């Protein structure tokens, strides 16, 4: 399948799902610093995939994918903090954590193909 627009990229679709889930999970959180940081990190994943793709250069796309991958790590780090501070349940942690790992692996595969 040829990717014609960033919306066709599986890792972008999954990053969007992750972002929406994070926003919904923390929408009632009173810890605005934590909430803002994890939301921004998740948005960064999907936006860097989109921005890199729109640059129309494999070299630049790859660079943005590495940034997206870094943001994926940041989300996982924040999820550990959220779990340890009882901001999210063990079950929710695993759901979001596993999705972020899946996105990270997809990004690695995409980087290798470029």
N, C-alpha and C. Protein backbone atom coordinates (compact mmCIF):
# COMPACT_ATOMS: atom_id res chain seq x y z
N UNK A 1 0.83 -1.19 0.00
CA UNK A 1 0.00 0.00 0.00
C UNK A 1 0.87 1.26 0.00
N UNK A 2 0.61 2.14 -0.90
CA UNK A 2 1.36 3.39 -0.99
C UNK A 2 0.77 4.40 0.00
N UNK A 3 1.65 5.03 0.72
CA UNK A 3 1.22 6.07 1.65
C UNK A 3 1.17 7.39 0.89
N UNK A 4 -0.02 7.94 0.77
CA UNK A 4 -0.19 9.18 0.02
C UNK A 4 -0.36 10.40 0.91
N UNK A 5 -0.81 10.16 2.15
CA UNK A 5 -0.98 11.26 3.10
C UNK A 5 -0.68 10.71 4.50
N UNK A 6 -0.33 11.61 5.40
CA UNK A 6 0.07 11.13 6.73
C UNK A 6 -1.04 10.35 7.42
N UNK A 7 -2.29 10.64 7.06
CA UNK A 7 -3.43 9.94 7.66
C UNK A 7 -3.45 8.45 7.30
N UNK A 8 -2.67 8.05 6.29
CA UNK A 8 -2.57 6.64 5.89
C UNK A 8 -1.58 5.86 6.75
N UNK A 9 -0.76 6.56 7.51
CA UNK A 9 0.32 5.93 8.29
C UNK A 9 -0.26 5.29 9.55
N UNK A 10 -0.05 4.00 9.71
CA UNK A 10 -0.60 3.25 10.84
C UNK A 10 -0.12 3.81 12.18
N UNK A 11 1.15 4.15 12.26
CA UNK A 11 1.66 4.69 13.53
C UNK A 11 1.00 6.02 13.88
N UNK A 12 0.65 6.83 12.87
CA UNK A 12 -0.06 8.09 13.14
C UNK A 12 -1.46 7.79 13.67
N UNK A 13 -2.16 6.82 13.05
CA UNK A 13 -3.52 6.45 13.49
C UNK A 13 -3.50 5.98 14.94
N UNK A 14 -2.52 5.13 15.25
CA UNK A 14 -2.43 4.61 16.62
C UNK A 14 -2.02 5.70 17.61
N UNK A 15 -1.16 6.63 17.17
CA UNK A 15 -0.76 7.75 18.03
C UNK A 15 -1.97 8.65 18.31
N UNK A 16 -2.82 8.81 17.32
CA UNK A 16 -4.04 9.60 17.52
C UNK A 16 -4.94 8.92 18.54
N UNK A 17 -5.08 7.60 18.45
CA UNK A 17 -5.88 6.84 19.41
C UNK A 17 -5.29 6.99 20.82
N UNK A 18 -3.97 6.88 20.92
CA UNK A 18 -3.28 7.04 22.20
C UNK A 18 -3.54 8.43 22.79
N UNK A 19 -3.43 9.45 21.95
CA UNK A 19 -3.63 10.83 22.40
C UNK A 19 -5.05 11.04 22.92
N UNK A 20 -6.02 10.58 22.17
CA UNK A 20 -7.43 10.72 22.60
C UNK A 20 -7.66 9.99 23.92
N UNK A 21 -7.10 8.80 24.04
CA UNK A 21 -7.26 8.01 25.27
C UNK A 21 -6.60 8.72 26.45
N UNK A 22 -5.43 9.31 26.23
CA UNK A 22 -4.76 10.03 27.31
C UNK A 22 -5.57 11.26 27.73
N UNK A 23 -6.06 12.00 26.75
CA UNK A 23 -6.90 13.17 27.07
C UNK A 23 -8.13 12.76 27.90
N UNK A 24 -8.78 11.67 27.49
CA UNK A 24 -9.97 11.20 28.22
C UNK A 24 -9.61 10.69 29.61
N UNK A 25 -8.48 10.00 29.71
CA UNK A 25 -8.06 9.43 31.00
C UNK A 25 -7.79 10.51 32.03
N UNK A 26 -7.19 11.62 31.60
CA UNK A 26 -6.78 12.65 32.55
C UNK A 26 -7.64 13.91 32.51
N UNK A 27 -8.81 13.84 31.85
CA UNK A 27 -9.63 15.05 31.70
C UNK A 27 -10.08 15.64 33.03
N UNK A 28 -10.24 14.83 34.06
CA UNK A 28 -10.68 15.34 35.36
C UNK A 28 -9.53 15.55 36.35
N UNK A 29 -8.31 15.34 35.87
CA UNK A 29 -7.14 15.48 36.74
C UNK A 29 -6.96 16.92 37.21
N UNK A 30 -6.67 17.07 38.48
CA UNK A 30 -6.41 18.40 39.05
C UNK A 30 -4.91 18.71 39.03
N UNK A 31 -4.10 17.70 38.70
CA UNK A 31 -2.65 17.90 38.60
C UNK A 31 -2.34 18.40 37.20
N UNK A 32 -2.47 19.73 37.03
CA UNK A 32 -2.38 20.32 35.70
C UNK A 32 -0.99 20.18 35.09
N UNK A 33 0.03 20.20 35.90
CA UNK A 33 1.40 20.03 35.40
C UNK A 33 1.58 18.65 34.77
N UNK A 34 1.18 17.64 35.50
CA UNK A 34 1.28 16.25 35.00
C UNK A 34 0.42 16.08 33.76
N UNK A 35 -0.83 16.50 33.88
CA UNK A 35 -1.80 16.35 32.79
C UNK A 35 -1.29 17.02 31.51
N UNK A 36 -0.81 18.25 31.64
CA UNK A 36 -0.31 19.00 30.49
C UNK A 36 0.88 18.30 29.85
N UNK A 37 1.78 17.79 30.66
CA UNK A 37 3.01 17.17 30.14
C UNK A 37 2.70 15.88 29.37
N UNK A 38 1.86 15.02 29.92
CA UNK A 38 1.57 13.76 29.23
C UNK A 38 0.72 14.00 27.98
N UNK A 39 -0.17 14.99 28.05
CA UNK A 39 -0.97 15.32 26.86
C UNK A 39 -0.08 15.88 25.75
N UNK A 40 0.81 16.78 26.10
CA UNK A 40 1.71 17.38 25.11
C UNK A 40 2.63 16.34 24.49
N UNK A 41 3.13 15.41 25.31
CA UNK A 41 4.02 14.37 24.79
C UNK A 41 3.27 13.47 23.81
N UNK A 42 2.02 13.13 24.13
CA UNK A 42 1.25 12.26 23.23
C UNK A 42 0.91 12.98 21.92
N UNK A 43 0.55 14.25 22.00
CA UNK A 43 0.27 15.04 20.80
C UNK A 43 1.53 15.15 19.93
N UNK A 44 2.66 15.26 20.58
CA UNK A 44 3.93 15.37 19.87
C UNK A 44 4.20 14.15 18.99
N UNK A 45 3.80 12.98 19.44
CA UNK A 45 4.01 11.77 18.63
C UNK A 45 3.31 11.92 17.29
N UNK A 46 2.00 12.15 17.33
CA UNK A 46 1.22 12.20 16.09
C UNK A 46 1.60 13.40 15.23
N UNK A 47 1.87 14.55 15.87
CA UNK A 47 2.20 15.74 15.09
C UNK A 47 3.56 15.65 14.41
N UNK A 48 4.52 15.01 15.05
CA UNK A 48 5.84 14.85 14.42
C UNK A 48 5.78 13.88 13.25
N UNK A 49 4.95 12.86 13.35
CA UNK A 49 4.77 11.95 12.22
C UNK A 49 4.17 12.74 11.04
N UNK A 50 3.14 13.52 11.33
CA UNK A 50 2.47 14.31 10.28
C UNK A 50 3.41 15.35 9.68
N UNK A 51 4.08 16.10 10.54
CA UNK A 51 4.95 17.16 10.03
C UNK A 51 6.11 16.59 9.22
N UNK A 52 6.71 15.52 9.72
CA UNK A 52 7.81 14.90 8.99
C UNK A 52 7.38 14.39 7.63
N UNK A 53 6.22 13.77 7.56
CA UNK A 53 5.72 13.26 6.29
C UNK A 53 5.50 14.41 5.29
N UNK A 54 4.93 15.49 5.77
CA UNK A 54 4.61 16.63 4.90
C UNK A 54 5.86 17.35 4.38
N UNK A 55 7.01 17.11 4.98
CA UNK A 55 8.26 17.72 4.52
C UNK A 55 8.69 17.15 3.16
N UNK A 56 8.18 15.97 2.82
CA UNK A 56 8.45 15.32 1.53
C UNK A 56 9.92 15.01 1.28
N UNK A 57 10.64 14.79 2.34
CA UNK A 57 12.05 14.40 2.22
C UNK A 57 12.28 13.26 3.21
N UNK A 58 12.79 12.14 2.71
CA UNK A 58 13.01 10.98 3.60
C UNK A 58 13.93 11.32 4.75
N UNK A 59 14.96 12.14 4.49
CA UNK A 59 15.90 12.51 5.54
C UNK A 59 15.18 13.27 6.66
N UNK A 60 14.38 14.27 6.27
CA UNK A 60 13.66 15.04 7.29
C UNK A 60 12.57 14.20 7.96
N UNK A 61 11.88 13.38 7.17
CA UNK A 61 10.84 12.51 7.73
C UNK A 61 11.43 11.62 8.82
N UNK A 62 12.59 11.04 8.52
CA UNK A 62 13.28 10.17 9.47
C UNK A 62 13.59 10.93 10.77
N UNK A 63 14.07 12.14 10.62
CA UNK A 63 14.41 12.97 11.79
C UNK A 63 13.17 13.20 12.66
N UNK A 64 12.04 13.50 12.03
CA UNK A 64 10.80 13.73 12.78
C UNK A 64 10.28 12.44 13.41
N UNK A 65 10.52 11.30 12.75
CA UNK A 65 10.11 10.02 13.32
C UNK A 65 10.92 9.70 14.58
N UNK A 66 12.20 10.07 14.57
CA UNK A 66 13.01 9.89 15.78
C UNK A 66 12.49 10.77 16.92
N UNK A 67 12.06 11.97 16.60
CA UNK A 67 11.49 12.86 17.62
C UNK A 67 10.19 12.24 18.16
N UNK A 68 9.36 11.72 17.24
CA UNK A 68 8.10 11.06 17.65
C UNK A 68 8.40 9.88 18.57
N UNK A 69 9.44 9.12 18.23
CA UNK A 69 9.84 7.97 19.03
C UNK A 69 10.27 8.42 20.43
N UNK A 70 10.98 9.53 20.50
CA UNK A 70 11.40 10.09 21.79
C UNK A 70 10.19 10.50 22.62
N UNK A 71 9.20 11.10 21.97
CA UNK A 71 7.97 11.49 22.67
C UNK A 71 7.21 10.27 23.17
N UNK A 72 7.31 9.19 22.43
CA UNK A 72 6.69 7.92 22.84
C UNK A 72 7.33 7.44 24.16
N UNK A 73 8.63 7.56 24.24
CA UNK A 73 9.33 7.22 25.48
C UNK A 73 8.92 8.12 26.63
N UNK A 74 8.74 9.39 26.32
CA UNK A 74 8.30 10.34 27.34
C UNK A 74 6.92 9.97 27.87
N UNK A 75 6.02 9.59 26.98
CA UNK A 75 4.67 9.16 27.41
C UNK A 75 4.79 7.96 28.34
N UNK A 76 5.61 6.98 27.98
CA UNK A 76 5.77 5.80 28.84
C UNK A 76 6.34 6.17 30.20
N UNK A 77 7.30 7.07 30.21
CA UNK A 77 7.88 7.53 31.47
C UNK A 77 6.81 8.20 32.35
N UNK A 78 5.98 9.03 31.72
CA UNK A 78 4.89 9.70 32.44
C UNK A 78 3.84 8.69 32.93
N UNK A 79 3.62 7.64 32.15
CA UNK A 79 2.67 6.60 32.57
C UNK A 79 3.15 5.90 33.83
N UNK A 80 4.47 5.62 33.90
CA UNK A 80 5.01 5.01 35.14
C UNK A 80 4.76 5.93 36.32
N UNK A 81 5.02 7.20 36.13
CA UNK A 81 4.81 8.17 37.19
C UNK A 81 3.34 8.20 37.60
N UNK A 82 2.46 8.22 36.61
CA UNK A 82 1.02 8.22 36.88
C UNK A 82 0.57 7.00 37.66
N UNK A 83 1.12 5.85 37.30
CA UNK A 83 0.77 4.61 38.00
C UNK A 83 1.29 4.64 39.44
N UNK A 84 2.55 5.06 39.59
CA UNK A 84 3.16 5.09 40.93
C UNK A 84 2.50 6.10 41.85
N UNK A 85 1.93 7.16 41.28
CA UNK A 85 1.25 8.19 42.08
C UNK A 85 -0.27 7.96 42.13
N UNK A 86 -0.69 6.78 41.68
CA UNK A 86 -2.11 6.39 41.69
C UNK A 86 -3.01 7.34 40.90
N UNK A 87 -2.49 7.89 39.82
CA UNK A 87 -3.29 8.73 38.93
C UNK A 87 -4.05 7.88 37.91
N UNK A 88 -3.53 6.66 37.67
CA UNK A 88 -4.20 5.72 36.75
C UNK A 88 -4.14 4.32 37.33
N UNK A 89 -5.10 3.52 36.94
CA UNK A 89 -5.14 2.14 37.41
C UNK A 89 -4.07 1.31 36.70
N UNK A 90 -3.78 0.18 37.29
CA UNK A 90 -2.83 -0.77 36.71
C UNK A 90 -3.31 -1.19 35.32
N UNK A 91 -4.59 -1.43 35.20
CA UNK A 91 -5.18 -1.86 33.92
C UNK A 91 -5.03 -0.79 32.84
N UNK A 92 -5.33 0.46 33.19
CA UNK A 92 -5.21 1.58 32.25
C UNK A 92 -3.75 1.80 31.89
N UNK A 93 -2.87 1.68 32.88
CA UNK A 93 -1.44 1.81 32.62
C UNK A 93 -1.02 0.82 31.54
N UNK A 94 -1.38 -0.45 31.71
CA UNK A 94 -0.96 -1.48 30.76
C UNK A 94 -1.53 -1.24 29.36
N UNK A 95 -2.78 -0.79 29.31
CA UNK A 95 -3.40 -0.52 28.01
C UNK A 95 -2.63 0.58 27.26
N UNK A 96 -2.39 1.69 27.94
CA UNK A 96 -1.69 2.82 27.32
C UNK A 96 -0.22 2.49 27.06
N UNK A 97 0.41 1.81 28.00
CA UNK A 97 1.81 1.43 27.86
C UNK A 97 2.00 0.53 26.64
N UNK A 98 1.15 -0.49 26.52
CA UNK A 98 1.26 -1.43 25.39
C UNK A 98 1.03 -0.73 24.05
N UNK A 99 0.10 0.20 24.01
CA UNK A 99 -0.14 0.95 22.78
C UNK A 99 1.08 1.81 22.43
N UNK A 100 1.69 2.41 23.44
CA UNK A 100 2.87 3.25 23.17
C UNK A 100 4.06 2.39 22.70
N UNK A 101 4.19 1.19 23.24
CA UNK A 101 5.24 0.26 22.77
C UNK A 101 4.98 -0.13 21.32
N UNK A 102 3.74 -0.41 20.99
CA UNK A 102 3.38 -0.78 19.62
C UNK A 102 3.71 0.37 18.66
N UNK A 103 3.39 1.59 19.04
CA UNK A 103 3.68 2.76 18.21
C UNK A 103 5.19 2.90 18.02
N UNK A 104 5.93 2.73 19.09
CA UNK A 104 7.39 2.84 19.04
C UNK A 104 7.98 1.81 18.07
N UNK A 105 7.47 0.59 18.11
CA UNK A 105 7.95 -0.46 17.20
C UNK A 105 7.59 -0.13 15.75
N UNK A 106 6.39 0.38 15.54
CA UNK A 106 5.98 0.79 14.18
C UNK A 106 6.88 1.89 13.67
N UNK A 107 7.20 2.86 14.53
CA UNK A 107 8.09 3.95 14.14
C UNK A 107 9.48 3.42 13.79
N UNK A 108 9.99 2.49 14.57
CA UNK A 108 11.29 1.88 14.27
C UNK A 108 11.28 1.22 12.91
N UNK A 109 10.21 0.49 12.62
CA UNK A 109 10.09 -0.17 11.32
C UNK A 109 10.05 0.83 10.18
N UNK A 110 9.31 1.91 10.38
CA UNK A 110 9.19 2.95 9.35
C UNK A 110 10.55 3.62 9.13
N UNK A 111 11.25 3.90 10.21
CA UNK A 111 12.59 4.51 10.11
C UNK A 111 13.52 3.60 9.30
N UNK A 112 13.47 2.29 9.57
CA UNK A 112 14.33 1.34 8.84
C UNK A 112 14.01 1.30 7.36
N UNK A 113 12.72 1.43 7.00
CA UNK A 113 12.36 1.38 5.58
C UNK A 113 12.78 2.65 4.83
N UNK A 114 13.00 3.74 5.56
CA UNK A 114 13.45 4.98 4.92
C UNK A 114 14.95 4.94 4.71
